[in-house]
Amino acid sequence: MPTQNQNQPIHFLHLSDIHFTAGKAWDADPILRALARFIAQEVKGGLIPDLVAITGDLAFAATADEYRLARDWLDNQLWPALPDGFPRDRPLLVPGNHDVDRRCVVQGVRHIQDGLLATSSQDAIASLLKDDGEREVALKRHAAYLDFHGDWLGEVQPLPWWRRRIEIDGTHLHVAGLDSAWLAWRLAAVVAEAIIASPRVGSESFDAHLVRGGVRLLGIGAVAALLAFGANRVGLPLYGILAGLGVGGLAVALAAQPTIENLIAGISLVADKAVRIGELCQYGDALGTVETVGVRSTRIRGHDRTLTNIPNAVLAKMPIISLTRRDQMLIRTVLGLRYETTPEQLRTVLVNLRNLLKGDPRVAPDSARVRLVKFGDSSLDVEVFAYVRTADWVEFLGIREDLLLRVLDIIEQGGTALAFPSRTLYLGRDGGIDSIKARAAEASVQAGRGQGSLGEASIETTT
């Protein structure tokens, strides 16, 4: 923001994304050598810069070796190419995302995150973020850049926010910087993990994935808005950039259609509570326990301990039966009694079975019924139907086993037994053909032939 001498132009030389890499000397890069020669020629031609801005990614991995290469290039190539007496503070060395030591990012963020998660008070959280020590941990990732910049200027630049006032031929230039895009992105991650730390949210549950994804989208939106604001301030064609991003976004959306479909299906599954973590459910013809519901797929552990990953879009189209949410469990079986069982024996067995179910406290009495349902191919079929008051599968198996054994005792006490699939064969002697009637028929036919009237002959039978 210049003041005074408003009509006097200020000439900027802008260099960006140099990416000094350890093990690769600046003089081995023909582009950097050509860049220094080009600047020297322009200066000799009369184009004198008032300010040099070197922005975005001076280094590649933010190591001290890379900044030594940067300092060597500044001293031996760029500085000699600039006009004699060029002020030392005129090069603005603005860091980019590669000027962050990634090895320190995770450690620093986790340190602050642990502090945030250890307290529930909003005032305590605000105090933690204002603490100089915590900010120092957050800025540790810039240590190599800070050393490089301080060595160049002889002063420390308080990243990620800073300001400077430069006077150029009577014009005061105020320069301020805030790494707001970086702050928005990193703060989004910290907020997401703070929410997930709640006991009600599992770290690998769909809710956790949804929180992370939603906060990241908000972070991306904030970063995009800040970058768009910055681009507009420096005069870049914002609407053209947005139009290009719109076309690119359409292409990405088409390519990501299956992912978006799975994401929406996962949200619908969780919102509708069709599946829950830890539930035993039947999906299609398979049975298993839900372990995780992710952004793209759901993991289900089968009874044979195999792990199945089913895309959410596919699972959403299946009939899903939740077995865990049953308040009671059903016993339903058909007993086949032998056909030799008399009606009185059958009545005795039916009465005793009904008393068994209605007298057991583990069985819901209103649901218990025992009925003769049909005459089967090889047995008298009796249906036993009852609900057991439990939702635990292992407990249900024990109750069902006990009741079925007691059913066998009642059948034996009734003097009958369970029938095996069988058939009854009735054997008889074949009497053959009646010989008297056969001889009478033959004689009648012979008589008709003798008279020539076989077709009109009347055949008499002897009884």
Protein backbone atom coordinates (compact mmCIF):
# COMPACT_ATOMS: atom_id res chain seq x y z
CA MET A 1 0.00 0.00 0.00
CA PRO A 2 2.12 2.96 -1.22
CA THR A 3 1.79 6.46 0.23
CA GLN A 4 3.21 9.75 -1.12
CA ASN A 5 4.24 10.24 -4.74
CA GLN A 6 1.24 8.28 -5.96
CA ASN A 7 2.09 8.85 -9.64
CA GLN A 8 5.62 7.45 -9.40
CA PRO A 9 5.67 3.79 -10.53
CA ILE A 10 7.33 1.07 -8.48
CA HIS A 11 9.02 -1.73 -10.45
CA PHE A 12 8.83 -5.25 -9.09
CA LEU A 13 10.97 -8.22 -10.08
CA HIS A 14 9.04 -11.35 -9.15
CA LEU A 15 10.68 -14.80 -8.95
CA SER A 16 8.69 -17.82 -7.84
CA ASP A 17 9.03 -21.56 -7.09
CA ILE A 18 12.79 -21.97 -7.43
CA HIS A 19 12.87 -25.23 -5.45
CA PHE A 20 16.50 -25.55 -4.42
CA THR A 21 17.16 -29.25 -3.86
CA ALA A 22 19.89 -30.75 -1.68
CA GLY A 23 22.65 -32.40 -3.67
CA LYS A 24 22.02 -30.26 -6.76
CA ALA A 25 24.18 -27.12 -6.88
CA TRP A 26 22.67 -23.96 -8.33
CA ASP A 27 25.44 -23.64 -10.90
CA ALA A 28 24.50 -27.04 -12.31
CA ASP A 29 21.04 -25.75 -13.25
CA PRO A 30 21.06 -24.04 -16.66
CA ILE A 31 17.72 -22.35 -15.97
CA LEU A 32 19.01 -20.57 -12.86
CA ARG A 33 22.19 -19.51 -14.68
CA ALA A 34 20.13 -18.20 -17.59
CA LEU A 35 17.80 -16.40 -15.17
CA ALA A 36 20.70 -14.56 -13.53
CA ARG A 37 22.11 -13.56 -16.95
CA PHE A 38 18.69 -12.32 -18.06
CA ILE A 39 18.31 -10.13 -14.96
CA ALA A 40 21.80 -8.68 -15.46
CA GLN A 41 21.02 -7.84 -19.10
CA GLU A 42 17.71 -6.15 -18.18
CA VAL A 43 19.42 -4.09 -15.50
CA LYS A 44 22.11 -3.00 -17.97
CA GLY A 45 19.31 -2.05 -20.39
CA GLY A 46 17.86 0.38 -17.88
CA LEU A 47 15.10 -1.68 -16.26
CA ILE A 48 15.99 -1.09 -12.62
CA PRO A 49 13.79 -2.98 -10.13
CA ASP A 50 12.76 -1.24 -6.92
CA LEU A 51 11.79 -4.43 -5.21
CA VAL A 52 12.56 -8.12 -5.73
CA ALA A 53 9.93 -10.58 -4.51
CA ILE A 54 11.04 -14.21 -4.29
CA THR A 55 7.88 -16.06 -3.36
CA GLY A 56 6.73 -19.61 -2.93
CA ASP A 57 9.00 -22.59 -2.42
CA LEU A 58 12.58 -21.39 -2.22
CA ALA A 59 13.47 -24.90 -1.02
CA PHE A 60 12.00 -28.27 -1.83
CA ALA A 61 12.06 -30.05 1.56
CA ALA A 62 12.91 -27.10 3.86
CA THR A 63 16.27 -28.50 4.94
CA ALA A 64 19.27 -26.45 6.04
CA ASP A 65 21.34 -27.78 3.08
CA GLU A 66 18.78 -26.44 0.61
CA TYR A 67 18.80 -23.00 2.19
CA ARG A 68 22.61 -22.96 2.04
CA LEU A 69 22.26 -23.51 -1.71
CA ALA A 70 19.69 -20.68 -1.85
CA ARG A 71 22.01 -18.34 0.04
CA ASP A 72 24.89 -19.28 -2.27
CA TRP A 73 22.78 -18.47 -5.34
CA LEU A 74 21.63 -15.16 -3.89
CA ASP A 75 25.22 -14.12 -3.04
CA ASN A 76 26.92 -15.31 -6.24
CA GLN A 77 24.30 -14.99 -8.96
CA LEU A 78 21.27 -12.82 -8.16
CA TRP A 79 22.96 -10.12 -6.07
CA PRO A 80 25.74 -9.38 -8.62
CA ALA A 81 23.07 -9.09 -11.33
CA LEU A 82 21.20 -6.36 -9.43
CA PRO A 83 22.23 -2.69 -9.51
CA ASP A 84 25.14 -1.64 -7.32
CA GLY A 85 24.03 -0.52 -3.90
CA PHE A 86 20.71 -2.38 -4.06
CA PRO A 87 19.31 -2.39 -0.46
CA ARG A 88 19.68 -5.60 1.46
CA ASP A 89 16.06 -5.57 2.63
CA ARG A 90 14.55 -5.13 -0.84
CA PRO A 91 14.43 -8.86 -1.72
CA LEU A 92 11.24 -10.16 -0.08
CA LEU A 93 11.86 -13.84 0.68
CA VAL A 94 8.32 -15.19 1.05
CA PRO A 95 8.02 -18.92 1.89
CA GLY A 96 5.69 -21.42 0.24
CA ASN A 97 4.31 -24.78 1.24
CA HIS A 98 7.63 -26.51 0.42
CA ASP A 99 9.38 -24.24 2.91
CA VAL A 100 7.82 -26.29 5.69
CA ASP A 101 9.67 -29.22 7.25
CA ARG A 102 7.08 -31.96 6.88
CA ARG A 103 8.82 -34.10 9.47
CA CYS A 104 7.97 -31.51 12.13
CA VAL A 105 4.38 -30.98 10.99
CA VAL A 106 2.92 -34.19 12.40
CA GLN A 107 4.83 -33.88 15.67
CA GLY A 108 3.87 -30.24 16.19
CA VAL A 109 0.23 -30.67 15.27
CA ARG A 110 -0.09 -33.75 17.46
CA HIS A 111 1.46 -31.88 20.36
CA ILE A 112 -1.08 -29.05 20.09
CA GLN A 113 -3.88 -31.51 19.38
CA ASP A 114 -3.11 -33.52 22.52
CA GLY A 115 -3.30 -30.30 24.51
CA LEU A 116 -6.64 -29.40 22.96
CA LEU A 117 -8.10 -32.83 23.56
CA ALA A 118 -6.98 -32.86 27.19
CA THR A 119 -9.29 -29.97 28.10
CA SER A 120 -13.01 -29.37 27.70
CA SER A 121 -13.12 -25.66 28.62
CA GLN A 122 -13.38 -23.16 25.79
CA ASP A 123 -11.35 -20.65 27.82
CA ALA A 124 -8.64 -23.25 28.38
CA ILE A 125 -8.51 -23.98 24.65
CA ALA A 126 -8.23 -20.27 23.83
CA SER A 127 -5.46 -19.88 26.42
CA LEU A 128 -3.62 -22.86 24.95
CA LEU A 129 -3.65 -21.39 21.45
CA LYS A 130 -2.42 -18.01 22.72
CA ASP A 131 0.52 -19.56 24.58
CA ASP A 132 3.89 -18.49 23.15
CA GLY A 133 5.32 -21.94 23.76
CA GLU A 134 2.58 -23.63 21.76
CA ARG A 135 3.06 -21.18 18.91
CA GLU A 136 6.76 -21.91 19.00
CA VAL A 137 6.01 -25.59 18.56
CA ALA A 138 3.74 -24.75 15.64
CA LEU A 139 6.49 -22.63 14.01
CA LYS A 140 9.22 -25.18 14.54
CA ARG A 141 8.51 -26.53 11.06
CA HIS A 142 9.84 -23.21 9.68
CA ALA A 143 13.11 -23.34 11.67
CA ALA A 144 15.44 -23.78 8.69
CA TYR A 145 13.73 -21.00 6.74
CA LEU A 146 13.79 -18.68 9.76
CA ASP A 147 17.53 -19.24 10.17
CA PHE A 148 18.08 -18.57 6.45
CA HIS A 149 15.94 -15.42 6.43
CA GLY A 150 17.40 -14.09 9.66
CA ASP A 151 20.93 -14.65 8.39
CA TRP A 152 20.12 -12.73 5.21
CA LEU A 153 18.42 -9.77 6.88
CA GLY A 154 19.99 -9.92 10.29
CA GLU A 155 16.54 -10.13 11.91
CA VAL A 156 13.94 -12.79 12.62
CA GLN A 157 10.69 -12.77 10.68
CA PRO A 158 7.76 -13.85 12.92
CA LEU A 159 6.02 -16.34 10.67
CA PRO A 160 3.30 -17.10 9.69
CA TRP A 161 2.31 -13.46 10.13
CA TRP A 162 4.62 -10.53 9.44
CA ARG A 163 4.75 -6.98 8.14
CA ARG A 164 7.36 -4.59 6.78
CA ARG A 165 7.55 -0.94 5.79
CA ILE A 166 9.88 -0.03 2.92
CA GLU A 167 10.63 3.47 1.63
CA ILE A 168 11.40 3.74 -2.10
CA ASP A 169 12.31 7.22 -3.34
CA GLY A 170 9.92 8.91 -0.96
CA THR A 171 7.18 6.32 -1.43
CA HIS A 172 6.36 4.25 1.62
CA LEU A 173 5.45 0.69 0.79
CA HIS A 174 3.68 -1.30 3.51
CA VAL A 175 3.94 -5.06 3.04
CA ALA A 176 2.06 -7.49 5.29
CA GLY A 177 1.81 -11.24 5.06
CA LEU A 178 -0.40 -13.90 6.63
CA ASP A 179 -0.19 -17.56 5.76
CA SER A 180 -3.96 -17.79 6.18
CA ALA A 181 -4.44 -20.63 3.69
CA TRP A 182 -1.99 -22.82 5.59
CA LEU A 183 -3.60 -21.90 8.91
CA ALA A 184 -7.09 -22.71 7.58
CA TRP A 185 -6.01 -26.13 6.32
CA ARG A 186 -4.12 -27.14 9.47
CA LEU A 187 -6.78 -25.75 11.81
CA ALA A 188 -9.39 -27.83 9.98
CA ALA A 189 -7.43 -31.01 10.74
CA VAL A 190 -7.06 -30.10 14.42
CA VAL A 191 -10.79 -29.31 14.75
CA ALA A 192 -11.73 -32.61 13.08
CA GLU A 193 -9.55 -34.69 15.42
CA ALA A 194 -10.87 -32.77 18.43
CA ILE A 195 -14.43 -33.69 17.48
CA ILE A 196 -13.52 -37.33 16.82
CA ALA A 197 -11.90 -37.58 20.26
CA SER A 198 -15.39 -37.52 21.77
CA PRO A 199 -16.26 -40.90 23.40
CA ARG A 200 -19.43 -41.01 21.30
CA VAL A 201 -17.48 -41.06 18.03
CA GLY A 202 -15.36 -44.11 17.15
CA SER A 203 -12.00 -43.26 15.60
CA GLU A 204 -12.69 -45.56 12.61
CA SER A 205 -16.45 -45.16 12.43
CA PHE A 206 -18.32 -43.61 9.55
CA ASP A 207 -19.05 -40.58 11.74
CA ALA A 208 -15.30 -40.04 12.14
CA HIS A 209 -14.71 -40.33 8.38
CA LEU A 210 -17.64 -37.99 7.77
CA VAL A 211 -16.30 -35.41 10.24
CA ARG A 212 -12.83 -35.56 8.70
CA GLY A 213 -14.19 -35.28 5.18
CA GLY A 214 -16.59 -32.46 6.02
CA VAL A 215 -14.01 -30.40 7.88
CA ARG A 216 -11.48 -30.96 5.09
CA LEU A 217 -14.01 -29.73 2.56
CA LEU A 218 -14.57 -26.64 4.71
CA GLY A 219 -10.81 -26.18 4.92
CA ILE A 220 -10.43 -26.51 1.15
CA GLY A 221 -13.24 -23.98 0.70
CA ALA A 222 -11.54 -21.54 3.08
CA VAL A 223 -8.18 -22.02 1.33
CA ALA A 224 -9.79 -21.50 -2.08
CA ALA A 225 -11.56 -18.35 -0.90
CA LEU A 226 -8.35 -16.93 0.57
CA LEU A 227 -6.35 -17.75 -2.56
CA ALA A 228 -9.06 -16.23 -4.76
CA PHE A 229 -9.02 -13.08 -2.64
CA GLY A 230 -5.25 -12.90 -2.90
CA ALA A 231 -5.32 -13.49 -6.67
CA ASN A 232 -7.89 -10.74 -7.08
CA ARG A 233 -5.76 -8.35 -5.05
CA VAL A 234 -2.70 -8.89 -7.25
CA GLY A 235 -4.72 -8.42 -10.44
CA LEU A 236 -5.08 -11.98 -11.73
CA PRO A 237 -8.16 -12.66 -13.93
CA LEU A 238 -10.25 -14.30 -11.21
CA TYR A 239 -13.33 -15.02 -13.33
CA GLY A 240 -11.24 -16.69 -16.01
CA ILE A 241 -9.58 -18.86 -13.39
CA LEU A 242 -12.96 -19.79 -11.89
CA ALA A 243 -14.32 -20.67 -15.34
CA GLY A 244 -11.34 -22.93 -15.96
CA LEU A 245 -11.79 -24.56 -12.56
CA GLY A 246 -15.47 -25.09 -13.35
CA VAL A 247 -14.66 -27.07 -16.49
CA GLY A 248 -11.96 -28.99 -14.65
CA GLY A 249 -14.33 -29.62 -11.76
CA LEU A 250 -16.90 -31.10 -14.14
CA ALA A 251 -14.31 -33.51 -15.51
CA VAL A 252 -13.26 -34.50 -12.00
CA ALA A 253 -16.90 -34.96 -10.95
CA LEU A 254 -17.54 -37.32 -13.87
CA ALA A 255 -14.41 -39.30 -13.08
CA ALA A 256 -15.29 -39.44 -9.38
CA GLN A 257 -18.92 -40.49 -9.92
CA PRO A 258 -18.51 -43.96 -8.32
CA THR A 259 -16.78 -42.42 -5.31
CA ILE A 260 -19.50 -39.80 -4.88
CA GLU A 261 -22.17 -42.49 -5.28
CA ASN A 262 -20.55 -44.57 -2.53
CA LEU A 263 -20.21 -41.51 -0.30
CA ILE A 264 -23.89 -40.60 -0.65
CA ALA A 265 -24.92 -44.24 -0.14
CA GLY A 266 -22.80 -44.41 3.02
CA ILE A 267 -24.41 -41.26 4.37
CA SER A 268 -27.88 -42.68 3.67
CA LEU A 269 -27.00 -45.98 5.37
CA VAL A 270 -25.84 -44.24 8.52
CA ALA A 271 -28.55 -41.56 8.51
CA ASP A 272 -31.24 -44.22 8.07
CA LYS A 273 -29.48 -46.40 10.69
CA ALA A 274 -29.65 -49.38 8.38
CA VAL A 275 -26.29 -50.61 9.69
CA ARG A 276 -24.32 -49.88 12.85
CA ILE A 277 -20.81 -50.73 13.94
CA GLY A 278 -20.70 -54.05 15.82
CA GLU A 279 -24.11 -55.28 14.67
CA LEU A 280 -24.76 -58.76 13.33
CA CYS A 281 -26.70 -58.46 10.10
CA GLN A 282 -27.78 -60.47 7.11
CA TYR A 283 -27.10 -58.88 3.72
CA GLY A 284 -28.32 -60.82 0.73
CA ASP A 285 -27.53 -64.47 1.44
CA ALA A 286 -24.54 -63.72 3.70
CA LEU A 287 -24.24 -63.12 7.44
CA GLY A 288 -21.63 -61.10 9.33
CA THR A 289 -20.75 -58.39 11.86
CA VAL A 290 -20.28 -54.79 10.70
CA GLU A 291 -16.79 -53.56 11.61
CA THR A 292 -16.52 -50.19 9.86
CA VAL A 293 -18.65 -48.02 7.59
CA GLY A 294 -16.21 -45.98 5.53
CA VAL A 295 -16.56 -43.25 2.98
CA ARG A 296 -16.30 -45.71 0.08
CA SER A 297 -17.11 -49.16 1.48
CA THR A 298 -18.40 -51.11 4.47
CA ARG A 299 -16.35 -53.88 6.08
CA ILE A 300 -18.25 -56.92 7.38
CA ARG A 301 -16.63 -59.80 9.26
CA GLY A 302 -18.24 -63.16 8.39
CA HIS A 303 -18.72 -66.11 10.75
CA ASP A 304 -15.75 -67.79 9.08
CA ARG A 305 -13.66 -64.70 10.09
CA THR A 306 -13.24 -63.50 6.51
CA LEU A 307 -13.45 -59.75 5.96
CA THR A 308 -15.69 -58.54 3.14
CA ASN A 309 -15.48 -55.01 1.71
CA ILE A 310 -18.77 -54.05 0.09
CA PRO A 311 -19.13 -50.72 -1.78
CA ASN A 312 -21.73 -48.60 0.00
CA ALA A 313 -23.71 -48.16 -3.21
CA VAL A 314 -24.02 -51.95 -3.57
CA LEU A 315 -24.89 -52.51 0.09
CA ALA A 316 -27.57 -49.80 0.00
CA LYS A 317 -29.41 -51.77 -2.71
CA MET A 318 -29.42 -55.03 -0.70
CA PRO A 319 -32.07 -56.11 1.80
CA ILE A 320 -30.33 -55.72 5.17
CA ILE A 321 -31.63 -57.62 8.20
CA SER A 322 -30.27 -56.50 11.57
CA LEU A 323 -30.15 -59.53 13.84
CA THR A 324 -28.63 -57.62 16.76
CA ARG A 325 -31.64 -55.34 17.17
CA ARG A 326 -34.03 -58.24 17.84
CA ASP A 327 -35.72 -57.90 21.24
CA GLN A 328 -36.63 -61.62 21.21
CA MET A 329 -35.46 -64.68 19.27
CA LEU A 330 -37.65 -67.27 17.60
CA ILE A 331 -37.80 -71.03 18.17
CA ARG A 332 -39.75 -72.70 15.40
CA THR A 333 -39.55 -76.41 14.60
CA VAL A 334 -41.79 -79.19 13.28
CA LEU A 335 -41.92 -82.52 15.14
CA GLY A 336 -42.84 -85.62 13.11
CA LEU A 337 -44.57 -88.24 15.32
CA ARG A 338 -45.10 -91.85 14.23
CA TYR A 339 -48.45 -92.74 12.63
CA GLU A 340 -48.86 -95.46 15.24
CA THR A 341 -49.47 -92.68 17.80
CA THR A 342 -53.06 -92.87 19.07
CA PRO A 343 -55.25 -89.74 19.34
CA GLU A 344 -55.06 -89.92 23.14
CA GLN A 345 -51.27 -90.13 23.08
CA LEU A 346 -51.17 -87.18 20.68
CA ARG A 347 -53.41 -85.08 22.93
CA THR A 348 -51.19 -85.86 25.92
CA VAL A 349 -48.04 -84.83 24.07
CA LEU A 350 -49.62 -81.56 22.83
CA VAL A 351 -50.83 -80.57 26.32
CA ASN A 352 -47.46 -81.31 27.95
CA LEU A 353 -45.56 -79.35 25.28
CA ARG A 354 -47.82 -76.31 25.77
CA ASN A 355 -47.33 -76.47 29.53
CA LEU A 356 -43.57 -76.68 29.02
CA LEU A 357 -43.39 -73.48 26.96
CA LYS A 358 -45.87 -71.44 29.00
CA GLY A 359 -44.28 -72.46 32.28
CA ASP A 360 -40.73 -71.50 31.28
CA PRO A 361 -39.86 -67.90 32.35
CA ARG A 362 -37.40 -67.60 29.46
CA VAL A 363 -40.24 -67.94 26.93
CA ALA A 364 -42.76 -65.19 26.13
CA PRO A 365 -46.05 -66.95 27.10
CA ASP A 366 -48.25 -65.03 24.67
CA SER A 367 -46.17 -66.26 21.73
CA ALA A 368 -46.03 -69.96 22.68
CA ARG A 369 -48.14 -72.35 20.62
CA VAL A 370 -48.05 -76.08 19.83
CA ARG A 371 -50.38 -77.39 17.10
CA LEU A 372 -50.94 -80.44 14.93
CA VAL A 373 -50.52 -78.86 11.52
CA LYS A 374 -50.81 -81.69 8.97
CA PHE A 375 -50.59 -85.35 8.13
CA GLY A 376 -47.22 -85.72 6.52
CA ASP A 377 -45.97 -88.38 4.14
CA SER A 378 -44.53 -90.42 6.97
CA SER A 379 -45.48 -88.62 10.19
CA LEU A 380 -48.00 -86.59 12.17
CA ASP A 381 -46.50 -83.07 11.95
CA VAL A 382 -46.64 -80.95 15.14
CA GLU A 383 -45.37 -77.33 14.97
CA VAL A 384 -43.66 -75.79 18.02
CA PHE A 385 -43.52 -71.95 17.93
CA ALA A 386 -42.24 -69.61 20.67
CA TYR A 387 -40.20 -66.43 21.26
CA VAL A 388 -37.30 -66.57 23.73
CA ARG A 389 -36.68 -63.48 25.86
CA THR A 390 -33.11 -62.76 24.84
CA ALA A 391 -31.24 -60.89 22.13
CA ASP A 392 -27.92 -62.67 22.73
CA TRP A 393 -27.20 -65.36 20.16
CA VAL A 394 -25.07 -67.58 22.42
CA GLU A 395 -27.65 -67.46 25.22
CA PHE A 396 -30.39 -68.27 22.73
CA LEU A 397 -28.55 -71.38 21.55
CA GLY A 398 -28.35 -72.66 25.12
CA ILE A 399 -32.05 -72.03 25.81
CA ARG A 400 -33.13 -73.68 22.56
CA GLU A 401 -30.98 -76.74 23.26
CA ASP A 402 -32.49 -77.14 26.75
CA LEU A 403 -36.07 -76.84 25.48
CA LEU A 404 -35.55 -79.33 22.63
CA LEU A 405 -34.09 -81.92 25.02
CA ARG A 406 -37.11 -81.53 27.30
CA VAL A 407 -39.36 -81.93 24.24
CA LEU A 408 -37.75 -85.32 23.61
CA ASP A 409 -38.49 -86.34 27.20
CA ILE A 410 -42.18 -85.40 26.79
CA ILE A 411 -42.48 -87.41 23.55
CA GLU A 412 -40.92 -90.47 25.21
CA GLN A 413 -43.17 -90.12 28.28
CA GLY A 414 -46.20 -90.00 25.97
CA GLY A 415 -45.42 -93.48 24.68
CA THR A 416 -44.61 -92.41 21.14
CA ALA A 417 -41.52 -91.49 19.14
CA LEU A 418 -40.27 -89.37 16.29
CA ALA A 419 -40.94 -90.86 12.89
CA PHE A 420 -38.35 -91.70 10.28
CA PRO A 421 -39.14 -91.04 6.63
CA SER A 422 -40.70 -94.41 5.58
CA ARG A 423 -43.16 -96.22 3.28
CA THR A 424 -45.56 -99.13 4.01
CA LEU A 425 -45.78 -101.92 1.37
CA TYR A 426 -48.83 -104.23 1.23
CA LEU A 427 -48.10 -107.69 -0.36
CA GLY A 428 -50.82 -109.92 -2.07
CA ARG A 429 -51.04 -113.07 -4.38
CA ASP A 430 -52.04 -112.69 -8.08
CA GLY A 431 -54.97 -115.09 -9.01
CA GLY A 432 -54.22 -115.13 -12.76
CA ILE A 433 -56.81 -115.45 -15.64
CA ASP A 434 -60.27 -117.24 -15.19
CA SER A 435 -59.79 -120.48 -17.23
CA ILE A 436 -63.54 -121.31 -17.59
CA LYS A 437 -64.37 -117.94 -19.08
CA ALA A 438 -61.38 -118.23 -21.39
CA ARG A 439 -62.54 -121.63 -22.83
CA ALA A 440 -66.12 -120.36 -23.29
CA ALA A 441 -64.85 -117.33 -25.24
CA GLU A 442 -62.70 -119.53 -27.49
CA ALA A 443 -65.63 -121.94 -28.22
CA SER A 444 -67.95 -119.08 -29.15
CA VAL A 445 -65.43 -117.69 -31.59
CA GLN A 446 -64.92 -121.11 -33.27
CA ALA A 447 -68.70 -121.56 -33.72
CA GLY A 448 -69.00 -118.20 -35.37
CA ARG A 449 -66.27 -119.05 -37.85
CA GLY A 450 -68.07 -122.26 -38.85
CA GLN A 451 -71.26 -120.40 -39.71
CA GLY A 452 -69.46 -117.57 -41.52
CA SER A 453 -70.94 -114.95 -39.26
CA LEU A 454 -68.07 -114.17 -36.90
CA GLY A 455 -68.75 -110.45 -37.04
CA GLU A 456 -72.43 -110.86 -36.01
CA ALA A 457 -71.97 -113.74 -33.64
CA SER A 458 -73.16 -113.19 -30.12
CA ILE A 459 -70.73 -114.31 -27.50
CA GLU A 460 -72.30 -115.90 -24.43
CA THR A 461 -70.45 -116.19 -21.23
CA THR A 462 -70.91 -118.87 -18.67
CA THR A 463 -71.09 -117.81 -15.10
